[in-house]
Amino acid sequence: MSRSLYAIKGNDAVKAFVRAGGIEKTGKGDHVNIKMPNGMIVTIPGNKELKIGLLKSAIRKAGLTEEQFLDLL
């Protein structure tokens, strides 16, 4: 079974980053800021499907691998 980073909604990504130890904070509009344990702040738009580049960048910034992120979903 191969899972992919496509068609992941912002709210689901936020939940995964929080499970990885992030602290959720509000951002502007529907954006959510998550402060990760490594000190980095990841900003995710809340309601819509995420573009692949944005999601991969956020995963790297959070200090996770794509596999770790998918396991947290």
C-alpha atoms as a PDB file:
ATOM      1  CA  MET A   1       0.000   0.000   0.000  1.00  0.00           C
ATOM      2  CA  SER A   2       1.574   3.230  -1.128  1.00  0.00           C
ATOM      3  CA  ARG A   3       0.306   6.389   0.488  1.00  0.00           C
ATOM      4  CA  SER A   4       1.023   9.717  -1.086  1.00  0.00           C
ATOM      5  CA  LEU A   5       1.295  13.371  -0.113  1.00  0.00           C
ATOM      6  CA  TYR A   6      -1.322  14.357  -2.685  1.00  0.00           C
ATOM      7  CA  ALA A   7      -4.847  15.437  -1.729  1.00  0.00           C
ATOM      8  CA  ILE A   8      -4.023  16.158   1.924  1.00  0.00           C
ATOM      9  CA  LYS A   9      -6.196  18.826   3.522  1.00  0.00           C
ATOM     10  CA  GLY A  10      -4.660  21.572   5.646  1.00  0.00           C
ATOM     11  CA  ASN A  11      -6.581  20.590   8.771  1.00  0.00           C
ATOM     12  CA  ASP A  12      -5.306  16.994   8.506  1.00  0.00           C
ATOM     13  CA  ALA A  13      -1.728  18.233   8.105  1.00  0.00           C
ATOM     14  CA  VAL A  14      -2.103  20.463  11.170  1.00  0.00           C
ATOM     15  CA  LYS A  15      -3.287  17.481  13.246  1.00  0.00           C
ATOM     16  CA  ALA A  16      -0.302  15.423  12.060  1.00  0.00           C
ATOM     17  CA  PHE A  17       2.186  18.178  13.011  1.00  0.00           C
ATOM     18  CA  VAL A  18       0.539  18.507  16.450  1.00  0.00           C
ATOM     19  CA  ARG A  19       0.868  14.700  16.926  1.00  0.00           C
ATOM     20  CA  ALA A  20       4.570  15.137  16.132  1.00  0.00           C
ATOM     21  CA  GLY A  21       4.858  17.457  19.147  1.00  0.00           C
ATOM     22  CA  GLY A  22       3.957  20.811  17.603  1.00  0.00           C
ATOM     23  CA  ILE A  23       1.966  23.496  19.399  1.00  0.00           C
ATOM     24  CA  GLU A  24      -0.904  24.964  17.398  1.00  0.00           C
ATOM     25  CA  LYS A  25      -1.278  28.748  17.295  1.00  0.00           C
ATOM     26  CA  THR A  26      -3.610  30.896  15.230  1.00  0.00           C
ATOM     27  CA  GLY A  27      -2.348  32.715  12.178  1.00  0.00           C
ATOM     28  CA  LYS A  28      -3.873  35.223   9.782  1.00  0.00           C
ATOM     29  CA  GLY A  29      -7.193  34.289   8.228  1.00  0.00           C
ATOM     30  CA  ASP A  30      -7.576  30.527   7.954  1.00  0.00           C
ATOM     31  CA  HIS A  31      -3.821  29.899   8.354  1.00  0.00           C
ATOM     32  CA  VAL A  32      -2.495  27.986  11.342  1.00  0.00           C
ATOM     33  CA  ASN A  33       1.012  28.346  12.763  1.00  0.00           C
ATOM     34  CA  ILE A  34       2.543  25.295  14.435  1.00  0.00           C
ATOM     35  CA  LYS A  35       5.643  25.704  16.595  1.00  0.00           C
ATOM     36  CA  MET A  36       7.611  22.488  16.255  1.00  0.00           C
ATOM     37  CA  PRO A  37       9.913  20.984  18.906  1.00  0.00           C
ATOM     38  CA  ASN A  38      12.951  21.974  16.770  1.00  0.00           C
ATOM     39  CA  GLY A  39      11.935  25.635  17.203  1.00  0.00           C
ATOM     40  CA  MET A  40      10.731  26.142  13.639  1.00  0.00           C
ATOM     41  CA  ILE A  41       7.304  27.601  12.916  1.00  0.00           C
ATOM     42  CA  VAL A  42       5.331  25.889  10.154  1.00  0.00           C
ATOM     43  CA  THR A  43       2.427  27.821   8.597  1.00  0.00           C
ATOM     44  CA  ILE A  44      -0.372  25.833   6.961  1.00  0.00           C
ATOM     45  CA  PRO A  45      -3.547  27.172   5.274  1.00  0.00           C
ATOM     46  CA  GLY A  46      -6.389  25.514   7.146  1.00  0.00           C
ATOM     47  CA  ASN A  47      -9.285  24.583   4.931  1.00  0.00           C
ATOM     48  CA  LYS A  48      -8.065  23.710   1.467  1.00  0.00           C
ATOM     49  CA  GLU A  49      -6.093  20.909  -0.137  1.00  0.00           C
ATOM     50  CA  LEU A  50      -2.353  21.561   0.138  1.00  0.00           C
ATOM     51  CA  LYS A  51      -0.080  21.859  -2.872  1.00  0.00           C
ATOM     52  CA  ILE A  52       2.684  19.269  -2.883  1.00  0.00           C
ATOM     53  CA  GLY A  53       5.566  21.777  -2.753  1.00  0.00           C
ATOM     54  CA  LEU A  54       4.148  23.598   0.253  1.00  0.00           C
ATOM     55  CA  LEU A  55       3.562  20.344   2.103  1.00  0.00           C
ATOM     56  CA  LYS A  56       7.046  18.939   1.377  1.00  0.00           C
ATOM     57  CA  SER A  57       8.611  22.223   2.482  1.00  0.00           C
ATOM     58  CA  ALA A  58       6.584  22.224   5.725  1.00  0.00           C
ATOM     59  CA  ILE A  59       7.552  18.596   6.453  1.00  0.00           C
ATOM     60  CA  ARG A  60      11.263  19.420   5.978  1.00  0.00           C
ATOM     61  CA  LYS A  61      10.963  22.545   8.113  1.00  0.00           C
ATOM     62  CA  ALA A  62       9.287  20.502  10.864  1.00  0.00           C
ATOM     63  CA  GLY A  63      12.260  18.103  10.889  1.00  0.00           C
ATOM     64  CA  LEU A  64      10.237  15.081   9.748  1.00  0.00           C
ATOM     65  CA  THR A  65      10.636  12.680   6.845  1.00  0.00           C
ATOM     66  CA  GLU A  66       7.724  12.173   4.463  1.00  0.00           C
ATOM     67  CA  GLU A  67       7.252   8.653   5.851  1.00  0.00           C
ATOM     68  CA  GLN A  68       7.082   9.933   9.439  1.00  0.00           C
ATOM     69  CA  PHE A  69       4.532  12.546   8.388  1.00  0.00           C
ATOM     70  CA  LEU A  70       2.350   9.981   6.592  1.00  0.00           C
ATOM     71  CA  ASP A  71       2.441   7.722   9.667  1.00  0.00           C
ATOM     72  CA  LEU A  72       1.111  10.642  11.760  1.00  0.00           C
ATOM     73  CA  LEU A  73      -1.879  11.272   9.506  1.00  0.00           C
END
